[in-house]
Amino acid sequence: MNIIETKQLTKCFGGLKANDNIDFHVEAGEIHAIVGENGAGKSTLMNMLFGLLQPTDGELFIRGKRVRIESPKTAIQLGIGMVHQHFKLVPSLTVVENIMLGCEPVRSLFIDRRKQLETVNKLIKDYGFDIDAAAKIRDVSIGVQQRVEILKMLNRDVDILILDEPTAVLTPQECDELMRNMFELKKKGKTIIIITHKLNEVKKCSDSVTVIRQGKVVDRVRTCDVDEKELARMMVGREVLLQVEKGSSNPGDMVYEVNGLCTQDNRGVKVLDHVSLKVCAGEILGIAGVEGNGQSELVRIMAGMMYSTEGKIVLKCKDITNSAPAGIRQQGIGIIPEDRYKHGLCKNMSIAGNIIAGYHEREPYCDKQFLNMKAIKDHAVKAIACFDIRTDSVDKNVGNLSGGNAQKVIIARELSMNPDLLIACQPTRGVDIGSIEFIHKQIIGCRDNGKAVILISSELSEIMSLSDRIAVMYRGRILGEMPRSQATVEKLGLLMAGITENPKGRCKDENYH
């Protein structure tokens, strides 16, 4: 039985057809994946199912009945819940308060706190989630926040759950936990729709897949009937290299060195503990680790956005410790930040403006303290063509681009300025398979052109594919480093868990030091 079905569903934004006559269906009780490139129309389709957008044309059926979903409230009444990629939680409230927000039980005009806690604890137990109901959202991991969002929907008695890029910000361990949660929900009769770029996850968890390309459905297949390579070809419309092709590195002179770097967070807790690393021209140093082990703080210090309390940073024999962001760029360091919208782009500024942001004082973009708009637009046109940014105008706001194209704007900006060192933090987060292939080629090309690259990624496969040397961070320290040729998933996994080998070959857990 089809629990959801669309017929000729179309959504237009001006002259652009984001969804073009979509025929789509999901069977009750299945996990259905929707895949496609950034900007293919996946989220637009789901936003219509959840009432955030209204169709321009076409029909929508829920359990065989034609419906008009005018708002998220209507969707929830029809049993449809959605967990967005960027969570909609209140950090200062507890897990209980966030789950019950808007539907609190009341007794004598006051919220019944006991009933509220009982309801949430029962939800947690029924679905087998590992959550402390009393914890505040600001104190829990991203993975726990996502499970809170799911429980928030389940508390509203939905039986269709839409997950938009659910693993984009999760650690490998949290991804595994989410998979277990999804299978448990399926056992309890829930229908799950998952939008994802990660084809290995599609193969692991879904029963069927719909592929969307340029706003149209390309095909609907049973997951067991296709492999990752075939899915990638369907998504992009051509063969895609799932394995990175790169030659051997040829390291040159030392470009960048970090010695004994330490810092504290705003609570006074040491988050970097004497971190030391170095990278040479013509090599990629990969930094692996479960998120939250100091990688973000290390990048912020290297980018001039956070101060170190001890240690030194040297670029080409020059001390640049605690330099300002503008000074760091002037020294020849390009930075791809982990949060493209928070630290990398201005959504309400044009593509052309974003492509020279941070470099706007340089010639030819600035002439006698005035911006040279012709030079800026000419540069943007060249960058758009060179870096395959899908847009019809350099004047379009970056906020209107898909995630993958927005990421390409950052990469175009940083690489077109010919940096001596590229710091790439989570460069392919939330990016589709075709764009990942492109971004990987750009990073390797940067190395092959004699540049030094530091790659920070929570994707172990990305670290192992691109790196020439790999360091592992754990609790603010570099716990180990090795050439890529000596690295295995098992070795890196142990270090990521804080486990090293002592001289006698017996493992010891760094937690107990």
Foldseek 3Di string as FASTA:
>chain_A
DWQKWWAQFWADDVPAILAGGETDTDRFLFEEEEEAFFSLNPVVVVCQLQQVDFTPDTWMDGPRHTDGRNHNVSNLVSQEEEAEPDGDADQAAFLLCRLCPPPFDDDPNHGPVVVSVVLVVVLCVLLVHDDDRGHGNNPDDPLNSSVSSVSSSVSSVHQEYEYEQPCLPAFPVSLVVVLSSVVSSSVVGGYYYYYHQDQVVCLVRGQKYWAGGNNYTQDIGGSVVDHSQVNQCSRPVHGFDPFDDADAWDFDAWFKWWFQWWDAPPVRHIQAGGAIDTWGWLFEEEEEAGPPNNPLVVLCQLQLNDATPDTFMDGPNHTQHNPHNLVSVVQFEAEQHPDCPPPQFPQAFFLLCSLCVSVCCDPPQADPNHGDVVVSQVLSVVLCVVLVQDDDGRRDGLNPGGPLSSLSSSVSSRVVVPGQEYEYEQSQRPGHRRSVSSVLVSVSVSSVVGHIYYYYHSPVSSSLRRGQKYFYGGNNYGQDIDGSVPDDPVQNVCVNQQWDADPVRDIDHNVVD
